[in-house]
Amino acid sequence: MPQKLKVSLIQTQLIWEEPLKNMHAFDQKLEALYGKTDLVILPEMFTTGFSMNPKEIASSYSIYDWMKDHAMAGDFAIYGSVMFEKDTGDHCNRGVFMKPDGDFMVYDKRHTFTLAGEHEVYDRGEKPVIAEYKDWTFNLQICYDLRFPVYSRNTQDYDVLIYVANWPVPRVNAWDALLKARAIENMAYCIGVNRVGTDGTGMDYSGHSQVYDVLGHELLEQAWETEGTQTVELDKENIHLNRKKLRFLEDRDTFTLT
């Protein structure tokens, strides 16, 4: 059972509503990680930025094959979200967790961001998703989900909570605070990957991608605001020892999500 896991966070600018250009830019970033990491995490809507214009764009490219090719070549898993057109013709903000063997899981964003009208354009997801990889378990989340702790409550004893985001500068303090809180209350690693730069609506993003351990300690430099890639190593022993010493999860409430 792998006790340690290398995770790489790609914090970058995104080209507005240009899937192929963004995918080309990520080609180089992903190729630089081939054979060097176990899991790569990309921002929310990494092919377009946080756009409310999925018609024609969402169906203009194939994300599964592209992610599979990189995952297989790099021998790592990849998680990020994209605007996605379903068989019904409706759209969703879909997180894709692609493994090196081509197996994948999808998580459709549950909490659509009403302040930007996301609920009028994208269907919301119906259920939480736990992905498994290298004997680690991951709760897959997207951006606005961060504000709703019930949906991430650790009733499944997962190891890692992942948030991919386009979280803007005016509310970045909430991003910092809530990521740390989610790690502490769930006694799990919590990873948040945000973008930088300015999108097509004029909204600015300052990154602050971060990894917290089960006690809320930061694994990266504080307030990381530049474009780039950083890699950290997660240690399952950190989870086991702290959960054994501090049995807070044993006192958690039971409930059913609807």
C-alpha atoms as a PDB file:
ATOM      1  CA  MET A   1       0.000   0.000   0.000  1.00  0.00           C
ATOM      2  CA  PRO A   2       1.607   3.297  -1.088  1.00  0.00           C
ATOM      3  CA  GLN A   3       2.011   5.427   2.020  1.00  0.00           C
ATOM      4  CA  LYS A   4       3.223   8.506   0.171  1.00  0.00           C
ATOM      5  CA  LEU A   5       1.831  10.320  -2.834  1.00  0.00           C
ATOM      6  CA  LYS A   6       3.375  13.107  -4.898  1.00  0.00           C
ATOM      7  CA  VAL A   7       0.830  15.718  -5.964  1.00  0.00           C
ATOM      8  CA  SER A   8       1.530  18.542  -8.428  1.00  0.00           C
ATOM      9  CA  LEU A   9      -0.550  21.729  -8.505  1.00  0.00           C
ATOM     10  CA  ILE A  10      -0.620  23.759 -11.727  1.00  0.00           C
ATOM     11  CA  GLN A  11      -1.564  27.374 -11.024  1.00  0.00           C
ATOM     12  CA  THR A  12      -1.790  29.293 -14.279  1.00  0.00           C
ATOM     13  CA  GLN A  13      -3.520  31.885 -16.406  1.00  0.00           C
ATOM     14  CA  LEU A  14      -6.280  30.657 -18.731  1.00  0.00           C
ATOM     15  CA  ILE A  15      -7.057  31.893 -22.240  1.00  0.00           C
ATOM     16  CA  TRP A  16     -10.687  33.006 -22.361  1.00  0.00           C
ATOM     17  CA  GLU A  17     -12.988  30.558 -24.169  1.00  0.00           C
ATOM     18  CA  GLU A  18     -10.151  29.013 -26.212  1.00  0.00           C
ATOM     19  CA  PRO A  19     -10.083  25.279 -25.394  1.00  0.00           C
ATOM     20  CA  LEU A  20      -7.453  24.220 -27.915  1.00  0.00           C
ATOM     21  CA  LYS A  21      -5.079  27.038 -26.983  1.00  0.00           C
ATOM     22  CA  ASN A  22      -5.409  26.197 -23.308  1.00  0.00           C
ATOM     23  CA  MET A  23      -4.898  22.500 -23.948  1.00  0.00           C
ATOM     24  CA  HIS A  24      -1.785  23.298 -25.977  1.00  0.00           C
ATOM     25  CA  ALA A  25      -0.439  25.424 -23.114  1.00  0.00           C
ATOM     26  CA  PHE A  26      -1.120  22.598 -20.658  1.00  0.00           C
ATOM     27  CA  ASP A  27       0.622  20.120 -22.991  1.00  0.00           C
ATOM     28  CA  GLN A  28       3.979  21.648 -22.093  1.00  0.00           C
ATOM     29  CA  LYS A  29       3.186  21.916 -18.379  1.00  0.00           C
ATOM     30  CA  LEU A  30       2.061  18.295 -18.179  1.00  0.00           C
ATOM     31  CA  GLU A  31       4.946  16.958 -20.262  1.00  0.00           C
ATOM     32  CA  ALA A  32       7.360  18.598 -17.816  1.00  0.00           C
ATOM     33  CA  LEU A  33       5.871  16.382 -15.081  1.00  0.00           C
ATOM     34  CA  TYR A  34       6.093  13.048 -16.925  1.00  0.00           C
ATOM     35  CA  GLY A  35       7.452  10.392 -14.578  1.00  0.00           C
ATOM     36  CA  LYS A  36       7.900  12.871 -11.733  1.00  0.00           C
ATOM     37  CA  THR A  37       4.584  12.843  -9.857  1.00  0.00           C
ATOM     38  CA  ASP A  38       1.548  10.693  -9.029  1.00  0.00           C
ATOM     39  CA  LEU A  39      -1.315  13.177  -9.394  1.00  0.00           C
ATOM     40  CA  VAL A  40      -1.650  16.481 -11.265  1.00  0.00           C
ATOM     41  CA  ILE A  41      -4.410  18.943 -10.389  1.00  0.00           C
ATOM     42  CA  LEU A  42      -5.600  21.639 -12.810  1.00  0.00           C
ATOM     43  CA  PRO A  43      -7.929  24.605 -12.100  1.00  0.00           C
ATOM     44  CA  GLU A  44     -11.692  24.722 -12.605  1.00  0.00           C
ATOM     45  CA  MET A  45     -12.757  25.049 -16.276  1.00  0.00           C
ATOM     46  CA  PHE A  46      -9.123  24.818 -17.276  1.00  0.00           C
ATOM     47  CA  THR A  47      -9.937  24.813 -21.004  1.00  0.00           C
ATOM     48  CA  THR A  48     -11.952  28.053 -21.073  1.00  0.00           C
ATOM     49  CA  GLY A  49     -11.931  29.998 -17.830  1.00  0.00           C
ATOM     50  CA  PHE A  50     -15.163  30.384 -15.857  1.00  0.00           C
ATOM     51  CA  SER A  51     -17.375  31.028 -18.874  1.00  0.00           C
ATOM     52  CA  MET A  52     -21.173  31.005 -19.041  1.00  0.00           C
ATOM     53  CA  ASN A  53     -21.105  30.398 -22.816  1.00  0.00           C
ATOM     54  CA  PRO A  54     -20.864  26.616 -23.269  1.00  0.00           C
ATOM     55  CA  LYS A  55     -22.937  26.382 -26.458  1.00  0.00           C
ATOM     56  CA  GLU A  56     -20.716  25.350 -29.381  1.00  0.00           C
ATOM     57  CA  ILE A  57     -17.595  25.645 -27.213  1.00  0.00           C
ATOM     58  CA  ALA A  58     -18.266  22.636 -24.961  1.00  0.00           C
ATOM     59  CA  SER A  59     -18.797  20.282 -27.894  1.00  0.00           C
ATOM     60  CA  SER A  60     -15.860  21.543 -29.971  1.00  0.00           C
ATOM     61  CA  TYR A  61     -13.175  19.321 -28.424  1.00  0.00           C
ATOM     62  CA  SER A  62     -12.676  15.933 -26.738  1.00  0.00           C
ATOM     63  CA  ILE A  63     -11.322  16.241 -23.213  1.00  0.00           C
ATOM     64  CA  TYR A  64     -11.323  12.554 -22.234  1.00  0.00           C
ATOM     65  CA  ASP A  65      -8.859  11.435 -24.916  1.00  0.00           C
ATOM     66  CA  TRP A  66      -6.556  14.381 -24.259  1.00  0.00           C
ATOM     67  CA  MET A  67      -6.446  13.705 -20.511  1.00  0.00           C
ATOM     68  CA  LYS A  68      -6.011   9.974 -21.083  1.00  0.00           C
ATOM     69  CA  ASP A  69      -3.050  10.504 -23.418  1.00  0.00           C
ATOM     70  CA  HIS A  70      -1.239  12.672 -20.866  1.00  0.00           C
ATOM     71  CA  ALA A  71      -2.098  10.428 -17.917  1.00  0.00           C
ATOM     72  CA  MET A  72      -0.771   7.346 -19.723  1.00  0.00           C
ATOM     73  CA  ALA A  73       2.369   9.063 -21.019  1.00  0.00           C
ATOM     74  CA  GLY A  74       3.148  10.680 -17.677  1.00  0.00           C
ATOM     75  CA  ASP A  75       2.118   7.721 -15.507  1.00  0.00           C
ATOM     76  CA  PHE A  76       0.041   9.980 -13.275  1.00  0.00           C
ATOM     77  CA  ALA A  77      -3.612  10.736 -12.609  1.00  0.00           C
ATOM     78  CA  ILE A  78      -5.125  14.125 -13.535  1.00  0.00           C
ATOM     79  CA  TYR A  79      -8.029  16.024 -11.984  1.00  0.00           C
ATOM     80  CA  GLY A  80      -9.588  19.245 -13.273  1.00  0.00           C
ATOM     81  CA  SER A  81     -12.967  20.530 -14.457  1.00  0.00           C
ATOM     82  CA  VAL A  82     -14.325  21.622 -17.846  1.00  0.00           C
ATOM     83  CA  MET A  83     -17.582  22.846 -19.346  1.00  0.00           C
ATOM     84  CA  PHE A  84     -19.187  19.686 -20.687  1.00  0.00           C
ATOM     85  CA  GLU A  85     -22.083  18.928 -23.053  1.00  0.00           C
ATOM     86  CA  LYS A  86     -24.116  15.913 -21.958  1.00  0.00           C
ATOM     87  CA  ASP A  87     -25.945  13.503 -24.281  1.00  0.00           C
ATOM     88  CA  THR A  88     -29.132  15.436 -23.604  1.00  0.00           C
ATOM     89  CA  GLY A  89     -27.593  18.615 -24.997  1.00  0.00           C
ATOM     90  CA  ASP A  90     -27.577  20.205 -21.533  1.00  0.00           C
ATOM     91  CA  HIS A  91     -24.335  21.365 -19.955  1.00  0.00           C
ATOM     92  CA  CYS A  92     -22.536  20.864 -16.660  1.00  0.00           C
ATOM     93  CA  ASN A  93     -19.334  21.918 -14.955  1.00  0.00           C
ATOM     94  CA  ARG A  94     -17.691  18.495 -14.913  1.00  0.00           C
ATOM     95  CA  GLY A  95     -14.698  17.389 -12.894  1.00  0.00           C
ATOM     96  CA  VAL A  96     -12.757  14.546 -14.505  1.00  0.00           C
ATOM     97  CA  PHE A  97     -10.388  12.304 -12.544  1.00  0.00           C
ATOM     98  CA  MET A  98      -8.376  10.429 -15.181  1.00  0.00           C
ATOM     99  CA  LYS A  99      -6.071   7.551 -14.254  1.00  0.00           C
ATOM    100  CA  PRO A 100      -3.013   6.332 -16.227  1.00  0.00           C
ATOM    101  CA  ASP A 101      -4.804   3.145 -17.297  1.00  0.00           C
ATOM    102  CA  GLY A 102      -7.587   5.168 -18.948  1.00  0.00           C
ATOM    103  CA  ASP A 103     -10.144   4.494 -16.226  1.00  0.00           C
ATOM    104  CA  PHE A 104     -11.824   7.675 -15.019  1.00  0.00           C
ATOM    105  CA  MET A 105     -14.500   9.072 -12.747  1.00  0.00           C
ATOM    106  CA  VAL A 106     -16.554  12.230 -13.187  1.00  0.00           C
ATOM    107  CA  TYR A 107     -18.008  14.635 -10.656  1.00  0.00           C
ATOM    108  CA  ASP A 108     -20.555  17.228 -11.782  1.00  0.00           C
ATOM    109  CA  LYS A 109     -20.390  20.390  -9.669  1.00  0.00           C
ATOM    110  CA  ARG A 110     -23.135  20.290  -7.080  1.00  0.00           C
ATOM    111  CA  HIS A 111     -23.275  23.948  -6.022  1.00  0.00           C
ATOM    112  CA  THR A 112     -23.624  26.138  -9.085  1.00  0.00           C
ATOM    113  CA  PHE A 113     -22.530  29.729  -8.476  1.00  0.00           C
ATOM    114  CA  THR A 114     -25.778  31.721  -8.547  1.00  0.00           C
ATOM    115  CA  LEU A 115     -23.968  35.074  -8.199  1.00  0.00           C
ATOM    116  CA  ALA A 116     -22.591  34.561 -11.727  1.00  0.00           C
ATOM    117  CA  GLY A 117     -25.717  32.856 -13.102  1.00  0.00           C
ATOM    118  CA  GLU A 118     -24.072  29.440 -13.313  1.00  0.00           C
ATOM    119  CA  HIS A 119     -27.315  27.789 -12.181  1.00  0.00           C
ATOM    120  CA  GLU A 120     -29.068  29.151 -15.292  1.00  0.00           C
ATOM    121  CA  VAL A 121     -26.524  27.625 -17.681  1.00  0.00           C
ATOM    122  CA  TYR A 122     -25.207  24.440 -16.087  1.00  0.00           C
ATOM    123  CA  ASP A 123     -27.045  21.520 -14.488  1.00  0.00           C
ATOM    124  CA  ARG A 124     -25.974  20.791 -10.944  1.00  0.00           C
ATOM    125  CA  GLY A 125     -24.559  17.433  -9.904  1.00  0.00           C
ATOM    126  CA  GLU A 126     -26.682  14.935  -8.024  1.00  0.00           C
ATOM    127  CA  LYS A 127     -24.173  13.101  -5.863  1.00  0.00           C
ATOM    128  CA  PRO A 128     -20.714  13.324  -4.261  1.00  0.00           C
ATOM    129  CA  VAL A 129     -17.933  11.289  -5.832  1.00  0.00           C
ATOM    130  CA  ILE A 130     -15.012   9.518  -4.156  1.00  0.00           C
ATOM    131  CA  ALA A 131     -12.181   8.535  -6.499  1.00  0.00           C
ATOM    132  CA  GLU A 132      -9.664   5.819  -5.672  1.00  0.00           C
ATOM    133  CA  TYR A 133      -6.080   5.773  -6.899  1.00  0.00           C
ATOM    134  CA  LYS A 134      -2.956   4.055  -5.573  1.00  0.00           C
ATOM    135  CA  ASP A 135      -4.824   3.033  -2.408  1.00  0.00           C
ATOM    136  CA  TRP A 136      -5.677   6.666  -1.691  1.00  0.00           C
ATOM    137  CA  THR A 137      -9.224   8.038  -1.712  1.00  0.00           C
ATOM    138  CA  PHE A 138     -10.180  11.506  -2.943  1.00  0.00           C
ATOM    139  CA  ASN A 139     -13.353  13.536  -2.438  1.00  0.00           C
ATOM    140  CA  LEU A 140     -13.764  15.508  -5.683  1.00  0.00           C
ATOM    141  CA  GLN A 141     -15.123  19.043  -5.332  1.00  0.00           C
ATOM    142  CA  ILE A 142     -15.307  22.211  -7.466  1.00  0.00           C
ATOM    143  CA  CYS A 143     -14.957  25.855  -6.394  1.00  0.00           C
ATOM    144  CA  TYR A 144     -18.279  27.071  -4.883  1.00  0.00           C
ATOM    145  CA  ASP A 145     -18.696  23.654  -3.197  1.00  0.00           C
ATOM    146  CA  LEU A 146     -16.095  24.943  -0.731  1.00  0.00           C
ATOM    147  CA  ARG A 147     -18.707  27.134   0.972  1.00  0.00           C
ATOM    148  CA  PHE A 148     -20.946  24.157   1.839  1.00  0.00           C
ATOM    149  CA  PRO A 149     -19.250  21.881   4.394  1.00  0.00           C
ATOM    150  CA  VAL A 150     -22.057  19.340   4.649  1.00  0.00           C
ATOM    151  CA  TYR A 151     -21.301  18.132   1.131  1.00  0.00           C
ATOM    152  CA  SER A 152     -17.664  17.453   2.025  1.00  0.00           C
ATOM    153  CA  ARG A 153     -18.279  16.001   5.497  1.00  0.00           C
ATOM    154  CA  ASN A 154     -15.980  13.029   5.915  1.00  0.00           C
ATOM    155  CA  THR A 155     -18.451  10.216   6.488  1.00  0.00           C
ATOM    156  CA  GLN A 156     -16.508   7.927   4.094  1.00  0.00           C
ATOM    157  CA  ASP A 157     -13.083   8.190   5.764  1.00  0.00           C
ATOM    158  CA  TYR A 158     -11.534   9.573   2.585  1.00  0.00           C
ATOM    159  CA  ASP A 159      -7.895  10.685   2.621  1.00  0.00           C
ATOM    160  CA  VAL A 160      -7.847  13.813   0.469  1.00  0.00           C
ATOM    161  CA  LEU A 161     -10.326  16.574  -0.329  1.00  0.00           C
ATOM    162  CA  ILE A 162      -9.701  18.394  -3.647  1.00  0.00           C
ATOM    163  CA  TYR A 163     -11.120  21.745  -4.743  1.00  0.00           C
ATOM    164  CA  VAL A 164     -10.395  23.108  -8.225  1.00  0.00           C
ATOM    165  CA  ALA A 165     -11.434  26.706  -8.712  1.00  0.00           C
ATOM    166  CA  ASN A 166     -11.673  30.058 -10.443  1.00  0.00           C
ATOM    167  CA  TRP A 167     -11.866  31.930  -7.114  1.00  0.00           C
ATOM    168  CA  PRO A 168     -11.519  35.716  -7.573  1.00  0.00           C
ATOM    169  CA  VAL A 169      -9.386  38.254  -5.727  1.00  0.00           C
ATOM    170  CA  PRO A 170     -12.249  40.010  -3.853  1.00  0.00           C
ATOM    171  CA  ARG A 171     -13.082  36.807  -1.962  1.00  0.00           C
ATOM    172  CA  VAL A 172      -9.688  35.125  -1.725  1.00  0.00           C
ATOM    173  CA  ASN A 173      -9.653  35.524   2.058  1.00  0.00           C
ATOM    174  CA  ALA A 174     -12.631  33.158   2.216  1.00  0.00           C
ATOM    175  CA  TRP A 175     -10.753  30.704  -0.035  1.00  0.00           C
ATOM    176  CA  ASP A 176      -7.781  30.662   2.340  1.00  0.00           C
ATOM    177  CA  ALA A 177      -9.908  30.291   5.460  1.00  0.00           C
ATOM    178  CA  LEU A 178     -12.317  27.658   4.178  1.00  0.00           C
ATOM    179  CA  LEU A 179      -9.663  25.372   2.689  1.00  0.00           C
ATOM    180  CA  LYS A 180      -7.956  25.255   6.073  1.00  0.00           C
ATOM    181  CA  ALA A 181     -11.257  24.669   7.843  1.00  0.00           C
ATOM    182  CA  ARG A 182     -12.204  21.791   5.523  1.00  0.00           C
ATOM    183  CA  ALA A 183      -8.890  20.058   6.295  1.00  0.00           C
ATOM    184  CA  ILE A 184      -9.264  20.436  10.054  1.00  0.00           C
ATOM    185  CA  GLU A 185     -12.923  19.427  10.357  1.00  0.00           C
ATOM    186  CA  ASN A 186     -12.528  16.390   8.079  1.00  0.00           C
ATOM    187  CA  MET A 187      -9.081  15.337   9.356  1.00  0.00           C
ATOM    188  CA  ALA A 188      -7.972  14.920   5.747  1.00  0.00           C
ATOM    189  CA  TYR A 189      -5.510  16.555   3.430  1.00  0.00           C
ATOM    190  CA  CYS A 190      -7.234  19.446   1.658  1.00  0.00           C
ATOM    191  CA  ILE A 191      -5.915  20.679  -1.689  1.00  0.00           C
ATOM    192  CA  GLY A 192      -7.112  23.810  -3.459  1.00  0.00           C
ATOM    193  CA  VAL A 193      -5.957  24.725  -6.967  1.00  0.00           C
ATOM    194  CA  ASN A 194      -6.940  28.157  -8.246  1.00  0.00           C
ATOM    195  CA  ARG A 195      -5.988  30.152 -11.346  1.00  0.00           C
ATOM    196  CA  VAL A 196      -4.221  33.494 -11.770  1.00  0.00           C
ATOM    197  CA  GLY A 197      -4.657  36.353 -14.250  1.00  0.00           C
ATOM    198  CA  THR A 198      -7.765  38.103 -15.583  1.00  0.00           C
ATOM    199  CA  ASP A 199     -10.694  36.439 -17.351  1.00  0.00           C
ATOM    200  CA  GLY A 200     -12.901  37.659 -20.168  1.00  0.00           C
ATOM    201  CA  THR A 201     -15.309  39.380 -17.797  1.00  0.00           C
ATOM    202  CA  GLY A 202     -12.536  41.453 -16.219  1.00  0.00           C
ATOM    203  CA  MET A 203     -12.417  39.376 -13.031  1.00  0.00           C
ATOM    204  CA  ASP A 204      -8.964  39.065 -11.443  1.00  0.00           C
ATOM    205  CA  TYR A 205      -7.524  35.944  -9.810  1.00  0.00           C
ATOM    206  CA  SER A 206      -4.553  35.715  -7.468  1.00  0.00           C
ATOM    207  CA  GLY A 207      -4.120  31.963  -7.048  1.00  0.00           C
ATOM    208  CA  HIS A 208      -3.410  31.091  -3.412  1.00  0.00           C
ATOM    209  CA  SER A 209      -3.375  27.395  -4.331  1.00  0.00           C
ATOM    210  CA  GLN A 210      -2.508  25.456  -1.201  1.00  0.00           C
ATOM    211  CA  VAL A 211      -2.272  22.067   0.476  1.00  0.00           C
ATOM    212  CA  TYR A 212      -3.237  21.622   4.133  1.00  0.00           C
ATOM    213  CA  ASP A 213      -2.591  18.561   6.257  1.00  0.00           C
ATOM    214  CA  VAL A 214      -5.123  17.067   8.680  1.00  0.00           C
ATOM    215  CA  LEU A 215      -4.273  19.638  11.358  1.00  0.00           C
ATOM    216  CA  GLY A 216      -4.502  22.589   8.982  1.00  0.00           C
ATOM    217  CA  HIS A 217      -0.766  23.128   8.500  1.00  0.00           C
ATOM    218  CA  GLU A 218       0.270  24.601   5.126  1.00  0.00           C
ATOM    219  CA  LEU A 219       2.543  22.508   2.923  1.00  0.00           C
ATOM    220  CA  LEU A 220       3.251  25.295   0.405  1.00  0.00           C
ATOM    221  CA  GLU A 221       4.504  28.835   0.804  1.00  0.00           C
ATOM    222  CA  GLN A 222       1.772  31.156   2.017  1.00  0.00           C
ATOM    223  CA  ALA A 223      -0.209  33.194  -0.535  1.00  0.00           C
ATOM    224  CA  TRP A 224       1.340  31.692  -3.680  1.00  0.00           C
ATOM    225  CA  GLU A 225       0.235  34.167  -6.372  1.00  0.00           C
ATOM    226  CA  THR A 226       2.491  33.494  -9.368  1.00  0.00           C
ATOM    227  CA  GLU A 227       1.992  31.238 -12.369  1.00  0.00           C
ATOM    228  CA  GLY A 228       3.782  27.916 -12.025  1.00  0.00           C
ATOM    229  CA  THR A 229       3.779  24.344 -10.753  1.00  0.00           C
ATOM    230  CA  GLN A 230       4.517  23.103  -7.249  1.00  0.00           C
ATOM    231  CA  THR A 231       4.761  19.514  -6.053  1.00  0.00           C
ATOM    232  CA  VAL A 232       4.184  18.244  -2.513  1.00  0.00           C
ATOM    233  CA  GLU A 233       4.344  14.794  -0.955  1.00  0.00           C
ATOM    234  CA  LEU A 234       1.395  13.537   1.064  1.00  0.00           C
ATOM    235  CA  ASP A 235       2.038  10.941   3.755  1.00  0.00           C
ATOM    236  CA  LYS A 236      -0.746   8.594   4.803  1.00  0.00           C
ATOM    237  CA  GLU A 237       1.001   8.070   8.137  1.00  0.00           C
ATOM    238  CA  ASN A 238       0.169  11.709   8.913  1.00  0.00           C
ATOM    239  CA  ILE A 239      -3.501  10.836   8.559  1.00  0.00           C
ATOM    240  CA  HIS A 240      -3.378   7.582  10.505  1.00  0.00           C
ATOM    241  CA  LEU A 241      -1.389   8.892  13.471  1.00  0.00           C
ATOM    242  CA  ASN A 242      -3.493  12.020  13.933  1.00  0.00           C
ATOM    243  CA  ARG A 243      -6.819  10.241  13.536  1.00  0.00           C
ATOM    244  CA  LYS A 244      -5.694   7.643  16.086  1.00  0.00           C
ATOM    245  CA  LYS A 245      -4.506  10.297  18.548  1.00  0.00           C
ATOM    246  CA  LEU A 246      -7.345  12.762  17.961  1.00  0.00           C
ATOM    247  CA  ARG A 247     -10.522  10.740  17.469  1.00  0.00           C
ATOM    248  CA  PHE A 248     -12.685  13.663  16.412  1.00  0.00           C
ATOM    249  CA  LEU A 249     -14.246  11.824  13.457  1.00  0.00           C
ATOM    250  CA  GLU A 250     -15.740   9.294  15.850  1.00  0.00           C
ATOM    251  CA  ASP A 251     -17.955  12.084  17.233  1.00  0.00           C
ATOM    252  CA  ARG A 252     -19.262  13.232  13.843  1.00  0.00           C
ATOM    253  CA  ASP A 253     -22.985  13.461  13.159  1.00  0.00           C
ATOM    254  CA  THR A 254     -24.686  10.994  10.859  1.00  0.00           C
ATOM    255  CA  PHE A 255     -26.930  12.204   8.054  1.00  0.00           C
ATOM    256  CA  THR A 256     -28.095  11.417   4.531  1.00  0.00           C
ATOM    257  CA  LEU A 257     -27.620  13.792   1.586  1.00  0.00           C
ATOM    258  CA  THR A 258     -30.598  14.362  -0.696  1.00  0.00           C
END
